[in-house]
Amino acid sequence: MYRSRHLAVLQRRREWFQRPVEIHSVMWWVPDGHLPTAAEGMARLALLNEHGPGQDAFTFRDFRDPVDAPA
């Protein structure tokens, strides 16, 4: 992708897209066997936008280790 004609398009992406104002993706530790719902994801995203990163909701930039993660 980065060594083809796609690169020229990717380099111009800022002409067509605006940076999001709010955080638009979230991560959190999930216990083995649990399948998170969309509603749970939206709740975690709201938590992250309202309170910033923490153990319950974080991003790649503010990653949290699973030390206190649910088992």
Protein backbone atom coordinates (compact mmCIF):
# COMPACT_ATOMS: atom_id res chain seq x y z
CA MET A 1 0.00 0.00 0.00
CA TYR A 2 2.80 2.43 0.85
CA ARG A 3 4.84 1.42 -2.20
CA SER A 4 2.15 1.77 -4.81
CA ARG A 5 -0.10 4.41 -6.33
CA HIS A 6 -2.06 4.38 -3.08
CA LEU A 7 0.66 6.43 -1.41
CA ALA A 8 -0.14 9.54 -3.46
CA VAL A 9 -3.77 9.33 -2.35
CA LEU A 10 -2.87 8.68 1.28
CA GLN A 11 -0.61 11.72 1.33
CA ARG A 12 -3.58 13.91 0.33
CA ARG A 13 -6.04 12.48 2.88
CA ARG A 14 -6.09 15.73 4.88
CA GLU A 15 -7.70 17.42 1.90
CA TRP A 16 -10.76 15.18 2.26
CA PHE A 17 -10.96 14.34 5.96
CA GLN A 18 -10.99 16.42 9.13
CA ARG A 19 -9.36 15.32 12.34
CA PRO A 20 -11.96 14.14 14.85
CA VAL A 21 -12.54 16.53 17.74
CA GLU A 22 -13.29 13.78 20.24
CA ILE A 23 -11.56 10.48 20.77
CA HIS A 24 -13.14 7.92 18.44
CA SER A 25 -11.62 4.63 19.54
CA VAL A 26 -11.17 3.01 22.94
CA MET A 27 -9.53 -0.06 24.47
CA TRP A 28 -10.09 -1.86 27.75
CA TRP A 29 -9.20 -5.23 29.19
CA VAL A 30 -11.91 -7.86 28.80
CA PRO A 31 -12.12 -11.09 30.80
CA ASP A 32 -11.52 -14.34 28.92
CA GLY A 33 -14.71 -15.62 27.34
CA HIS A 34 -16.53 -12.27 27.48
CA LEU A 35 -17.72 -10.79 24.18
CA PRO A 36 -18.24 -7.02 24.62
CA THR A 37 -21.38 -5.49 23.16
CA ALA A 38 -21.56 -2.35 21.06
CA ALA A 39 -23.33 -0.64 23.98
CA GLU A 40 -20.44 -1.55 26.29
CA GLY A 41 -17.98 -0.12 23.77
CA MET A 42 -19.96 3.11 23.49
CA ALA A 43 -20.09 3.39 27.29
CA ARG A 44 -16.30 2.95 27.49
CA LEU A 45 -15.82 5.53 24.77
CA ALA A 46 -18.01 8.00 26.66
CA LEU A 47 -16.03 7.29 29.83
CA LEU A 48 -12.78 7.98 28.01
CA ASN A 49 -14.07 11.21 26.47
CA GLU A 50 -15.47 12.45 29.79
CA HIS A 51 -12.69 11.45 32.20
CA GLY A 52 -9.63 10.75 30.08
CA PRO A 53 -7.59 7.54 30.02
CA GLY A 54 -7.59 5.21 33.00
CA GLN A 55 -7.67 1.51 33.77
CA ASP A 56 -11.30 1.21 32.55
CA ALA A 57 -10.80 2.94 29.19
CA PHE A 58 -7.59 3.88 27.37
CA THR A 59 -5.94 4.33 23.97
CA PHE A 60 -2.76 3.13 22.30
CA ARG A 61 -1.16 6.44 23.29
CA ASP A 62 -2.14 6.01 26.97
CA PHE A 63 -1.96 2.22 27.17
CA ARG A 64 -2.60 0.52 30.50
CA ASP A 65 -1.11 -2.81 31.52
CA PRO A 66 -3.53 -5.55 32.58
CA VAL A 67 -2.23 -5.54 36.17
CA ASP A 68 -5.66 -4.83 37.64
CA ALA A 69 -7.60 -6.14 34.66
CA PRO A 70 -10.58 -8.41 35.18
CA ALA A 71 -9.68 -12.11 35.31
